[in-house]
Amino acid sequence: MENRNKVSDVIVYITSFVIIVIWGCTFVQTKLLINAGLRPDEIFLFRFILAYLLILPISGRKLFMNNLKDEMLALLLGLTGGSLYFLTENYALAYGYCSNVALIVCLTPIVTTLIVGCFYPSERIGVVGLSGSVIAFLGMSLVVFNGNFILKLSPIGDVLALGACLCWALYSLIIKRLQGEYGNMLITRKVFGYGLITILPWLLNRGVNYDILLTGGVVVWGNILFLGCVASMLCFLGWNWCLKRIGTVRATNFLYLNPIVAITTSAIFLGESITWLALVGATLILCGLYFIDKCRKR
């Protein structure tokens, strides 16, 4: 039984890592779509529509949660893990400095650990685990800056970036509450459905350029298919499953690997350079994750 549990944990760890790699690659796909003429909110709309259509036939006949309270929690999932998260993160970049935004968003694992730990004692980490989180965060900072240490005050952008960070932490907290009552398919479908519903008021004001879907060619369709089918539908299903199997805090700590994947894919596909400071940062991230995992095993 113990060996079976170890094998199961390894599968979950591999799944979490693959998802983080895929999400790290979305930086490239999103940048290519923006260069093709799409706005971030339009990219979100198209990828979530595709993801919802794909999951709808396989998510069962149950349309609503068991009660109004749980339905409202599902609505919050669509906001915090969908529309509001993507809007705050993307428009933080529009109003603020990229380095500030990236650094604040990197706080997500730590903020998630603290918030979830307040409500679930089993998810709390000790001094060793917290030290590992700090080490990993320092490593993420070096990777994000990649040798360019420029910090400037940008209140609107910084507040929006902090909002994105809090959104994902709340998403992790709410989904832990619902996973005790509902299946993964239903919860993930609700995320996509309510994500689309809650983005509509924003899009009704700004409009949507549907013509680019006809004129964009392989670059547009290929990247939207990847973002909708793989990065959204499959990855959200897999991530929610990992949250349930190994715990919210342990799974969220894999987000520390995101900057490593992002700079690697940017170097390969966009020709961006990687400095020695980024390599030091990557090493610190791995060391921090080692300490966190040691703490969880204890």
C-alpha atoms as a PDB file:
ATOM      1  CA  MET A   1       0.000   0.000   0.000  1.00  0.00           C
ATOM      2  CA  GLU A   2       2.850   2.373   0.895  1.00  0.00           C
ATOM      3  CA  ASN A   3       4.604   1.684  -2.439  1.00  0.00           C
ATOM      4  CA  ARG A   4       1.328   2.286  -4.263  1.00  0.00           C
ATOM      5  CA  ASN A   5       0.932   5.650  -2.527  1.00  0.00           C
ATOM      6  CA  LYS A   6       4.494   6.608  -3.467  1.00  0.00           C
ATOM      7  CA  VAL A   7       3.852   5.730  -7.116  1.00  0.00           C
ATOM      8  CA  SER A   8       0.619   7.738  -6.989  1.00  0.00           C
ATOM      9  CA  ASP A   9       2.462  10.749  -5.557  1.00  0.00           C
ATOM     10  CA  VAL A  10       5.104  10.498  -8.286  1.00  0.00           C
ATOM     11  CA  ILE A  11       2.371  10.535 -10.952  1.00  0.00           C
ATOM     12  CA  VAL A  12       0.817  13.628  -9.378  1.00  0.00           C
ATOM     13  CA  TYR A  13       4.215  15.356  -9.166  1.00  0.00           C
ATOM     14  CA  ILE A  14       4.941  14.597 -12.821  1.00  0.00           C
ATOM     15  CA  THR A  15       1.479  15.840 -13.809  1.00  0.00           C
ATOM     16  CA  SER A  16       1.986  19.068 -11.821  1.00  0.00           C
ATOM     17  CA  PHE A  17       5.376  19.634 -13.432  1.00  0.00           C
ATOM     18  CA  VAL A  18       4.043  19.054 -16.955  1.00  0.00           C
ATOM     19  CA  ILE A  19       1.202  21.516 -16.316  1.00  0.00           C
ATOM     20  CA  ILE A  20       3.638  24.158 -15.075  1.00  0.00           C
ATOM     21  CA  VAL A  21       5.779  23.609 -18.174  1.00  0.00           C
ATOM     22  CA  ILE A  22       2.723  24.074 -20.409  1.00  0.00           C
ATOM     23  CA  TRP A  23       1.594  27.192 -18.534  1.00  0.00           C
ATOM     24  CA  GLY A  24       5.112  28.558 -18.782  1.00  0.00           C
ATOM     25  CA  CYS A  25       4.957  28.087 -22.550  1.00  0.00           C
ATOM     26  CA  THR A  26       1.712  30.090 -22.806  1.00  0.00           C
ATOM     27  CA  PHE A  27       3.795  33.258 -22.512  1.00  0.00           C
ATOM     28  CA  VAL A  28       5.105  32.606 -26.008  1.00  0.00           C
ATOM     29  CA  GLN A  29       1.697  31.710 -27.468  1.00  0.00           C
ATOM     30  CA  THR A  30       0.031  34.758 -25.924  1.00  0.00           C
ATOM     31  CA  LYS A  31       2.774  37.072 -27.188  1.00  0.00           C
ATOM     32  CA  LEU A  32       2.427  35.670 -30.711  1.00  0.00           C
ATOM     33  CA  LEU A  33      -1.341  36.241 -30.641  1.00  0.00           C
ATOM     34  CA  ILE A  34      -0.930  39.799 -29.361  1.00  0.00           C
ATOM     35  CA  ASN A  35       1.546  40.452 -32.185  1.00  0.00           C
ATOM     36  CA  ALA A  36      -1.097  39.114 -34.569  1.00  0.00           C
ATOM     37  CA  GLY A  37      -3.572  41.767 -33.374  1.00  0.00           C
ATOM     38  CA  LEU A  38      -5.539  40.151 -30.523  1.00  0.00           C
ATOM     39  CA  ARG A  39      -6.082  41.790 -27.142  1.00  0.00           C
ATOM     40  CA  PRO A  40      -5.484  39.806 -23.918  1.00  0.00           C
ATOM     41  CA  ASP A  41      -9.199  39.764 -23.082  1.00  0.00           C
ATOM     42  CA  GLU A  42     -10.031  38.448 -26.562  1.00  0.00           C
ATOM     43  CA  ILE A  43      -7.445  35.695 -26.154  1.00  0.00           C
ATOM     44  CA  PHE A  44      -9.054  34.746 -22.844  1.00  0.00           C
ATOM     45  CA  LEU A  45     -12.524  34.686 -24.463  1.00  0.00           C
ATOM     46  CA  PHE A  46     -11.531  32.424 -27.357  1.00  0.00           C
ATOM     47  CA  ARG A  47      -9.505  29.975 -25.246  1.00  0.00           C
ATOM     48  CA  PHE A  48     -12.236  29.635 -22.587  1.00  0.00           C
ATOM     49  CA  ILE A  49     -15.012  29.199 -25.184  1.00  0.00           C
ATOM     50  CA  LEU A  50     -13.033  26.375 -26.765  1.00  0.00           C
ATOM     51  CA  ALA A  51     -12.261  24.808 -23.373  1.00  0.00           C
ATOM     52  CA  TYR A  52     -15.941  24.977 -22.316  1.00  0.00           C
ATOM     53  CA  LEU A  53     -17.156  23.395 -25.555  1.00  0.00           C
ATOM     54  CA  LEU A  54     -14.637  20.576 -25.145  1.00  0.00           C
ATOM     55  CA  ILE A  55     -15.489  19.766 -21.521  1.00  0.00           C
ATOM     56  CA  LEU A  56     -19.270  20.149 -21.879  1.00  0.00           C
ATOM     57  CA  PRO A  57     -19.958  16.710 -23.469  1.00  0.00           C
ATOM     58  CA  ILE A  58     -17.844  14.809 -20.909  1.00  0.00           C
ATOM     59  CA  SER A  59     -18.691  16.622 -17.673  1.00  0.00           C
ATOM     60  CA  GLY A  60     -22.005  14.864 -16.968  1.00  0.00           C
ATOM     61  CA  ARG A  61     -25.636  16.019 -16.913  1.00  0.00           C
ATOM     62  CA  LYS A  62     -25.530  17.832 -13.586  1.00  0.00           C
ATOM     63  CA  LEU A  63     -26.049  21.518 -14.343  1.00  0.00           C
ATOM     64  CA  PHE A  64     -25.992  23.158 -10.926  1.00  0.00           C
ATOM     65  CA  MET A  65     -24.411  22.709  -7.537  1.00  0.00           C
ATOM     66  CA  ASN A  66     -26.473  21.255  -4.694  1.00  0.00           C
ATOM     67  CA  ASN A  67     -27.385  24.626  -3.217  1.00  0.00           C
ATOM     68  CA  LEU A  68     -27.199  28.349  -3.905  1.00  0.00           C
ATOM     69  CA  LYS A  69     -24.197  28.865  -1.625  1.00  0.00           C
ATOM     70  CA  ASP A  70     -22.091  26.353  -3.551  1.00  0.00           C
ATOM     71  CA  GLU A  71     -23.284  27.842  -6.858  1.00  0.00           C
ATOM     72  CA  MET A  72     -22.064  31.258  -5.690  1.00  0.00           C
ATOM     73  CA  LEU A  73     -18.721  29.685  -4.732  1.00  0.00           C
ATOM     74  CA  ALA A  74     -18.526  28.244  -8.259  1.00  0.00           C
ATOM     75  CA  LEU A  75     -19.194  31.734  -9.599  1.00  0.00           C
ATOM     76  CA  LEU A  76     -16.282  32.998  -7.496  1.00  0.00           C
ATOM     77  CA  LEU A  77     -14.125  30.236  -8.989  1.00  0.00           C
ATOM     78  CA  GLY A  78     -14.888  31.540 -12.473  1.00  0.00           C
ATOM     79  CA  LEU A  79     -13.941  35.037 -11.324  1.00  0.00           C
ATOM     80  CA  THR A  80     -10.805  34.301  -9.324  1.00  0.00           C
ATOM     81  CA  GLY A  81      -9.420  31.562 -11.564  1.00  0.00           C
ATOM     82  CA  GLY A  82     -10.758  32.976 -14.816  1.00  0.00           C
ATOM     83  CA  SER A  83     -11.899  36.440 -15.874  1.00  0.00           C
ATOM     84  CA  LEU A  84     -10.744  38.600 -12.951  1.00  0.00           C
ATOM     85  CA  TYR A  85      -7.376  36.860 -12.667  1.00  0.00           C
ATOM     86  CA  PHE A  86      -6.559  37.237 -16.362  1.00  0.00           C
ATOM     87  CA  LEU A  87      -7.784  40.835 -16.511  1.00  0.00           C
ATOM     88  CA  THR A  88      -5.851  41.976 -13.442  1.00  0.00           C
ATOM     89  CA  GLU A  89      -2.649  40.249 -14.525  1.00  0.00           C
ATOM     90  CA  ASN A  90      -2.707  41.378 -18.151  1.00  0.00           C
ATOM     91  CA  TYR A  91      -3.776  44.956 -17.481  1.00  0.00           C
ATOM     92  CA  ALA A  92      -1.272  45.244 -14.658  1.00  0.00           C
ATOM     93  CA  LEU A  93       1.304  44.947 -17.433  1.00  0.00           C
ATOM     94  CA  ALA A  94      -0.460  47.719 -19.349  1.00  0.00           C
ATOM     95  CA  TYR A  95      -0.435  50.166 -16.413  1.00  0.00           C
ATOM     96  CA  GLY A  96       2.722  49.103 -14.607  1.00  0.00           C
ATOM     97  CA  TYR A  97       6.273  47.920 -15.127  1.00  0.00           C
ATOM     98  CA  CYS A  98       6.833  44.346 -16.223  1.00  0.00           C
ATOM     99  CA  SER A  99       9.423  43.677 -13.515  1.00  0.00           C
ATOM    100  CA  ASN A 100       7.123  44.932 -10.749  1.00  0.00           C
ATOM    101  CA  VAL A 101       4.185  42.892 -11.985  1.00  0.00           C
ATOM    102  CA  ALA A 102       6.184  39.704 -12.422  1.00  0.00           C
ATOM    103  CA  LEU A 103       7.711  40.031  -8.952  1.00  0.00           C
ATOM    104  CA  ILE A 104       4.359  40.625  -7.238  1.00  0.00           C
ATOM    105  CA  VAL A 105       2.696  37.720  -9.071  1.00  0.00           C
ATOM    106  CA  CYS A 106       5.586  35.551  -7.885  1.00  0.00           C
ATOM    107  CA  LEU A 107       4.213  36.008  -4.367  1.00  0.00           C
ATOM    108  CA  THR A 108       1.255  33.762  -5.282  1.00  0.00           C
ATOM    109  CA  PRO A 109       2.586  30.522  -3.695  1.00  0.00           C
ATOM    110  CA  ILE A 110       3.466  32.259  -0.427  1.00  0.00           C
ATOM    111  CA  VAL A 111       0.152  34.145  -0.238  1.00  0.00           C
ATOM    112  CA  THR A 112      -1.744  30.945  -1.058  1.00  0.00           C
ATOM    113  CA  THR A 113       0.137  29.060   1.656  1.00  0.00           C
ATOM    114  CA  LEU A 114      -0.695  31.701   4.272  1.00  0.00           C
ATOM    115  CA  ILE A 115      -4.371  32.099   3.312  1.00  0.00           C
ATOM    116  CA  VAL A 116      -5.136  28.389   2.990  1.00  0.00           C
ATOM    117  CA  GLY A 117      -3.218  27.680   6.196  1.00  0.00           C
ATOM    118  CA  CYS A 118      -5.503  30.069   8.093  1.00  0.00           C
ATOM    119  CA  PHE A 119      -8.547  27.933   7.244  1.00  0.00           C
ATOM    120  CA  TYR A 120      -7.013  24.447   7.021  1.00  0.00           C
ATOM    121  CA  PRO A 121      -4.508  23.504   9.771  1.00  0.00           C
ATOM    122  CA  SER A 122      -3.443  20.422   7.788  1.00  0.00           C
ATOM    123  CA  GLU A 123      -2.081  22.693   5.052  1.00  0.00           C
ATOM    124  CA  ARG A 124       0.104  24.785   7.346  1.00  0.00           C
ATOM    125  CA  ILE A 125       3.878  24.660   6.972  1.00  0.00           C
ATOM    126  CA  GLY A 126       6.495  25.127   9.692  1.00  0.00           C
ATOM    127  CA  VAL A 127       9.575  27.310   9.884  1.00  0.00           C
ATOM    128  CA  VAL A 128      11.527  25.031   7.539  1.00  0.00           C
ATOM    129  CA  GLY A 129       8.781  25.143   4.923  1.00  0.00           C
ATOM    130  CA  LEU A 130       8.424  28.906   5.222  1.00  0.00           C
ATOM    131  CA  SER A 131      12.201  29.284   4.867  1.00  0.00           C
ATOM    132  CA  GLY A 132      12.029  27.167   1.704  1.00  0.00           C
ATOM    133  CA  SER A 133       9.281  29.454   0.358  1.00  0.00           C
ATOM    134  CA  VAL A 134      11.416  32.541   1.009  1.00  0.00           C
ATOM    135  CA  ILE A 135      14.434  30.942  -0.703  1.00  0.00           C
ATOM    136  CA  ALA A 136      12.298  29.952  -3.700  1.00  0.00           C
ATOM    137  CA  PHE A 137      10.830  33.471  -3.878  1.00  0.00           C
ATOM    138  CA  LEU A 138      14.315  35.001  -3.901  1.00  0.00           C
ATOM    139  CA  GLY A 139      15.203  32.620  -6.695  1.00  0.00           C
ATOM    140  CA  MET A 140      12.088  33.638  -8.619  1.00  0.00           C
ATOM    141  CA  SER A 141      13.068  37.297  -8.194  1.00  0.00           C
ATOM    142  CA  LEU A 142      16.475  36.678  -9.779  1.00  0.00           C
ATOM    143  CA  VAL A 143      14.882  34.734 -12.642  1.00  0.00           C
ATOM    144  CA  VAL A 144      12.248  37.419 -13.256  1.00  0.00           C
ATOM    145  CA  PHE A 145      14.746  40.274 -13.323  1.00  0.00           C
ATOM    146  CA  ASN A 146      17.242  38.188 -15.327  1.00  0.00           C
ATOM    147  CA  GLY A 147      20.007  40.723 -14.664  1.00  0.00           C
ATOM    148  CA  ASN A 148      17.860  43.877 -15.093  1.00  0.00           C
ATOM    149  CA  PHE A 149      17.201  45.268 -11.619  1.00  0.00           C
ATOM    150  CA  ILE A 150      14.779  48.104 -12.307  1.00  0.00           C
ATOM    151  CA  LEU A 151      12.014  48.842  -9.793  1.00  0.00           C
ATOM    152  CA  LYS A 152       9.826  51.931 -10.154  1.00  0.00           C
ATOM    153  CA  LEU A 153       6.670  52.921  -8.320  1.00  0.00           C
ATOM    154  CA  SER A 154       3.531  52.213 -10.342  1.00  0.00           C
ATOM    155  CA  PRO A 155       0.524  52.208  -7.983  1.00  0.00           C
ATOM    156  CA  ILE A 156      -2.159  51.106 -10.460  1.00  0.00           C
ATOM    157  CA  GLY A 157      -0.085  48.355 -12.029  1.00  0.00           C
ATOM    158  CA  ASP A 158       1.195  47.118  -8.673  1.00  0.00           C
ATOM    159  CA  VAL A 159      -2.301  46.996  -7.147  1.00  0.00           C
ATOM    160  CA  LEU A 160      -3.620  45.088 -10.167  1.00  0.00           C
ATOM    161  CA  ALA A 161      -0.727  42.619  -9.930  1.00  0.00           C
ATOM    162  CA  LEU A 162      -1.435  42.104  -6.225  1.00  0.00           C
ATOM    163  CA  GLY A 163      -5.086  41.561  -7.173  1.00  0.00           C
ATOM    164  CA  ALA A 164      -4.046  38.778  -9.569  1.00  0.00           C
ATOM    165  CA  CYS A 165      -1.975  37.193  -6.820  1.00  0.00           C
ATOM    166  CA  LEU A 166      -4.903  37.278  -4.373  1.00  0.00           C
ATOM    167  CA  CYS A 167      -7.272  35.945  -7.044  1.00  0.00           C
ATOM    168  CA  TRP A 168      -5.280  32.741  -7.489  1.00  0.00           C
ATOM    169  CA  ALA A 169      -4.908  32.298  -3.734  1.00  0.00           C
ATOM    170  CA  LEU A 170      -8.692  32.632  -3.281  1.00  0.00           C
ATOM    171  CA  TYR A 171      -9.258  30.239  -6.190  1.00  0.00           C
ATOM    172  CA  SER A 172      -7.117  27.649  -4.414  1.00  0.00           C
ATOM    173  CA  LEU A 173      -9.026  28.192  -1.168  1.00  0.00           C
ATOM    174  CA  ILE A 174     -12.501  27.977  -2.721  1.00  0.00           C
ATOM    175  CA  ILE A 175     -11.756  24.915  -4.829  1.00  0.00           C
ATOM    176  CA  LYS A 176     -10.550  23.056  -1.743  1.00  0.00           C
ATOM    177  CA  ARG A 177     -13.961  23.690  -0.191  1.00  0.00           C
ATOM    178  CA  LEU A 178     -15.887  22.412  -3.219  1.00  0.00           C
ATOM    179  CA  GLN A 179     -13.735  19.368  -3.968  1.00  0.00           C
ATOM    180  CA  GLY A 180     -15.113  17.620  -0.898  1.00  0.00           C
ATOM    181  CA  GLU A 181     -18.606  17.614  -2.438  1.00  0.00           C
ATOM    182  CA  TYR A 182     -18.250  17.661  -6.227  1.00  0.00           C
ATOM    183  CA  GLY A 183     -16.330  15.950  -9.018  1.00  0.00           C
ATOM    184  CA  ASN A 184     -13.420  17.481 -10.870  1.00  0.00           C
ATOM    185  CA  MET A 185     -15.228  17.627 -14.221  1.00  0.00           C
ATOM    186  CA  LEU A 186     -18.172  19.634 -12.863  1.00  0.00           C
ATOM    187  CA  ILE A 187     -15.948  22.070 -10.964  1.00  0.00           C
ATOM    188  CA  THR A 188     -13.685  22.682 -13.973  1.00  0.00           C
ATOM    189  CA  ARG A 189     -16.694  23.197 -16.255  1.00  0.00           C
ATOM    190  CA  LYS A 190     -18.026  25.774 -13.802  1.00  0.00           C
ATOM    191  CA  VAL A 191     -14.689  27.616 -13.886  1.00  0.00           C
ATOM    192  CA  PHE A 192     -14.875  27.921 -17.671  1.00  0.00           C
ATOM    193  CA  GLY A 193     -18.598  28.741 -17.748  1.00  0.00           C
ATOM    194  CA  TYR A 194     -18.555  31.418 -15.079  1.00  0.00           C
ATOM    195  CA  GLY A 195     -15.247  32.743 -16.384  1.00  0.00           C
ATOM    196  CA  LEU A 196     -16.970  33.440 -19.692  1.00  0.00           C
ATOM    197  CA  ILE A 197     -20.107  34.907 -18.100  1.00  0.00           C
ATOM    198  CA  THR A 198     -18.163  37.283 -15.871  1.00  0.00           C
ATOM    199  CA  ILE A 199     -15.969  38.562 -18.731  1.00  0.00           C
ATOM    200  CA  LEU A 200     -18.998  39.510 -20.870  1.00  0.00           C
ATOM    201  CA  PRO A 201     -19.688  42.943 -19.276  1.00  0.00           C
ATOM    202  CA  TRP A 202     -16.099  43.940 -20.003  1.00  0.00           C
ATOM    203  CA  LEU A 203     -16.259  42.699 -23.599  1.00  0.00           C
ATOM    204  CA  LEU A 204     -19.654  44.306 -24.283  1.00  0.00           C
ATOM    205  CA  ASN A 205     -18.026  47.643 -23.521  1.00  0.00           C
ATOM    206  CA  ARG A 206     -14.881  47.037 -25.585  1.00  0.00           C
ATOM    207  CA  GLY A 207     -16.149  44.806 -28.397  1.00  0.00           C
ATOM    208  CA  VAL A 208     -14.538  41.706 -29.902  1.00  0.00           C
ATOM    209  CA  ASN A 209     -12.629  41.417 -33.187  1.00  0.00           C
ATOM    210  CA  TYR A 210     -13.949  38.149 -34.627  1.00  0.00           C
ATOM    211  CA  ASP A 211     -12.598  38.866 -38.117  1.00  0.00           C
ATOM    212  CA  ILE A 212      -9.064  38.011 -37.041  1.00  0.00           C
ATOM    213  CA  LEU A 213     -10.153  34.397 -36.591  1.00  0.00           C
ATOM    214  CA  LEU A 214     -10.808  34.276 -40.342  1.00  0.00           C
ATOM    215  CA  THR A 215      -7.776  36.279 -41.456  1.00  0.00           C
ATOM    216  CA  GLY A 216      -5.185  35.296 -38.838  1.00  0.00           C
ATOM    217  CA  GLY A 217      -4.285  31.995 -40.440  1.00  0.00           C
ATOM    218  CA  VAL A 218      -2.306  29.164 -38.872  1.00  0.00           C
ATOM    219  CA  VAL A 219      -0.560  31.361 -36.284  1.00  0.00           C
ATOM    220  CA  VAL A 220      -3.840  32.512 -34.736  1.00  0.00           C
ATOM    221  CA  TRP A 221      -5.749  29.244 -34.950  1.00  0.00           C
ATOM    222  CA  GLY A 222      -2.833  27.072 -33.931  1.00  0.00           C
ATOM    223  CA  ASN A 223      -2.068  29.093 -30.809  1.00  0.00           C
ATOM    224  CA  ILE A 224      -5.726  29.447 -29.815  1.00  0.00           C
ATOM    225  CA  LEU A 225      -6.174  25.689 -30.173  1.00  0.00           C
ATOM    226  CA  PHE A 226      -3.161  25.114 -27.952  1.00  0.00           C
ATOM    227  CA  LEU A 227      -4.348  27.606 -25.322  1.00  0.00           C
ATOM    228  CA  GLY A 228      -7.933  26.328 -25.362  1.00  0.00           C
ATOM    229  CA  CYS A 229      -7.424  22.563 -25.653  1.00  0.00           C
ATOM    230  CA  VAL A 230      -4.183  22.053 -23.769  1.00  0.00           C
ATOM    231  CA  ALA A 231      -3.401  25.059 -21.540  1.00  0.00           C
ATOM    232  CA  SER A 232      -7.018  25.544 -20.455  1.00  0.00           C
ATOM    233  CA  MET A 233      -9.124  22.400 -20.739  1.00  0.00           C
ATOM    234  CA  LEU A 234      -6.525  19.692 -20.017  1.00  0.00           C
ATOM    235  CA  CYS A 235      -4.367  21.746 -17.655  1.00  0.00           C
ATOM    236  CA  PHE A 236      -7.223  23.055 -15.506  1.00  0.00           C
ATOM    237  CA  LEU A 237      -8.586  19.519 -15.191  1.00  0.00           C
ATOM    238  CA  GLY A 238      -5.149  18.190 -14.306  1.00  0.00           C
ATOM    239  CA  TRP A 239      -4.356  21.029 -11.898  1.00  0.00           C
ATOM    240  CA  ASN A 240      -7.629  20.690  -9.997  1.00  0.00           C
ATOM    241  CA  TRP A 241      -6.980  16.944  -9.722  1.00  0.00           C
ATOM    242  CA  CYS A 242      -3.483  17.612  -8.343  1.00  0.00           C
ATOM    243  CA  LEU A 243      -4.891  20.070  -5.794  1.00  0.00           C
ATOM    244  CA  LYS A 244      -7.203  17.352  -4.529  1.00  0.00           C
ATOM    245  CA  ARG A 245      -4.602  14.571  -4.468  1.00  0.00           C
ATOM    246  CA  ILE A 246      -1.596  16.215  -2.802  1.00  0.00           C
ATOM    247  CA  GLY A 247      -3.128  19.295  -1.182  1.00  0.00           C
ATOM    248  CA  THR A 248      -3.465  22.913  -2.192  1.00  0.00           C
ATOM    249  CA  VAL A 249      -0.211  24.193  -0.698  1.00  0.00           C
ATOM    250  CA  ARG A 250       1.984  21.389  -1.981  1.00  0.00           C
ATOM    251  CA  ALA A 251       0.610  21.671  -5.525  1.00  0.00           C
ATOM    252  CA  THR A 252       0.747  25.486  -5.555  1.00  0.00           C
ATOM    253  CA  ASN A 253       4.440  25.396  -4.688  1.00  0.00           C
ATOM    254  CA  PHE A 254       5.074  24.000  -8.175  1.00  0.00           C
ATOM    255  CA  LEU A 255       4.241  27.512  -9.431  1.00  0.00           C
ATOM    256  CA  TYR A 256       7.744  28.470  -8.299  1.00  0.00           C
ATOM    257  CA  LEU A 257       8.978  26.649 -11.409  1.00  0.00           C
ATOM    258  CA  ASN A 258       6.961  28.862 -13.754  1.00  0.00           C
ATOM    259  CA  PRO A 259       9.628  31.579 -14.268  1.00  0.00           C
ATOM    260  CA  ILE A 260      12.245  28.935 -15.094  1.00  0.00           C
ATOM    261  CA  VAL A 261      10.025  27.536 -17.833  1.00  0.00           C
ATOM    262  CA  ALA A 262       9.124  31.033 -19.065  1.00  0.00           C
ATOM    263  CA  ILE A 263      12.723  32.228 -19.517  1.00  0.00           C
ATOM    264  CA  THR A 264      13.729  28.907 -21.101  1.00  0.00           C
ATOM    265  CA  THR A 265      10.942  28.984 -23.701  1.00  0.00           C
ATOM    266  CA  SER A 266      11.559  32.699 -24.318  1.00  0.00           C
ATOM    267  CA  ALA A 267      15.221  31.972 -24.997  1.00  0.00           C
ATOM    268  CA  ILE A 268      14.373  29.124 -27.378  1.00  0.00           C
ATOM    269  CA  PHE A 269      11.466  30.663 -29.315  1.00  0.00           C
ATOM    270  CA  LEU A 270      11.919  34.426 -28.889  1.00  0.00           C
ATOM    271  CA  GLY A 271      15.713  34.657 -28.739  1.00  0.00           C
ATOM    272  CA  GLU A 272      15.814  36.344 -25.315  1.00  0.00           C
ATOM    273  CA  SER A 273      19.015  35.967 -23.296  1.00  0.00           C
ATOM    274  CA  ILE A 274      19.488  34.172 -19.961  1.00  0.00           C
ATOM    275  CA  THR A 275      21.973  35.713 -17.539  1.00  0.00           C
ATOM    276  CA  TRP A 276      24.025  33.967 -14.868  1.00  0.00           C
ATOM    277  CA  LEU A 277      21.806  35.605 -12.216  1.00  0.00           C
ATOM    278  CA  ALA A 278      18.799  33.820 -13.691  1.00  0.00           C
ATOM    279  CA  LEU A 279      20.681  30.524 -13.426  1.00  0.00           C
ATOM    280  CA  VAL A 280      21.484  31.265  -9.769  1.00  0.00           C
ATOM    281  CA  GLY A 281      17.821  32.056  -9.240  1.00  0.00           C
ATOM    282  CA  ALA A 282      16.769  28.752 -10.809  1.00  0.00           C
ATOM    283  CA  THR A 283      19.105  26.929  -8.413  1.00  0.00           C
ATOM    284  CA  LEU A 284      17.597  28.767  -5.429  1.00  0.00           C
ATOM    285  CA  ILE A 285      14.096  27.824  -6.577  1.00  0.00           C
ATOM    286  CA  LEU A 286      15.007  24.140  -6.677  1.00  0.00           C
ATOM    287  CA  CYS A 287      16.653  24.384  -3.231  1.00  0.00           C
ATOM    288  CA  GLY A 288      13.597  26.110  -1.827  1.00  0.00           C
ATOM    289  CA  LEU A 289      11.275  23.435  -3.214  1.00  0.00           C
ATOM    290  CA  TYR A 290      13.502  20.777  -1.635  1.00  0.00           C
ATOM    291  CA  PHE A 291      13.117  22.351   1.817  1.00  0.00           C
ATOM    292  CA  ILE A 292       9.356  22.741   1.337  1.00  0.00           C
ATOM    293  CA  ASP A 293       8.976  19.099   0.353  1.00  0.00           C
ATOM    294  CA  LYS A 294      11.086  17.997   3.335  1.00  0.00           C
ATOM    295  CA  CYS A 295       8.818  19.977   5.628  1.00  0.00           C
ATOM    296  CA  ARG A 296       5.670  18.422   4.143  1.00  0.00           C
ATOM    297  CA  LYS A 297       7.052  14.908   4.583  1.00  0.00           C
ATOM    298  CA  ARG A 298       7.737  15.625   8.238  1.00  0.00           C
END
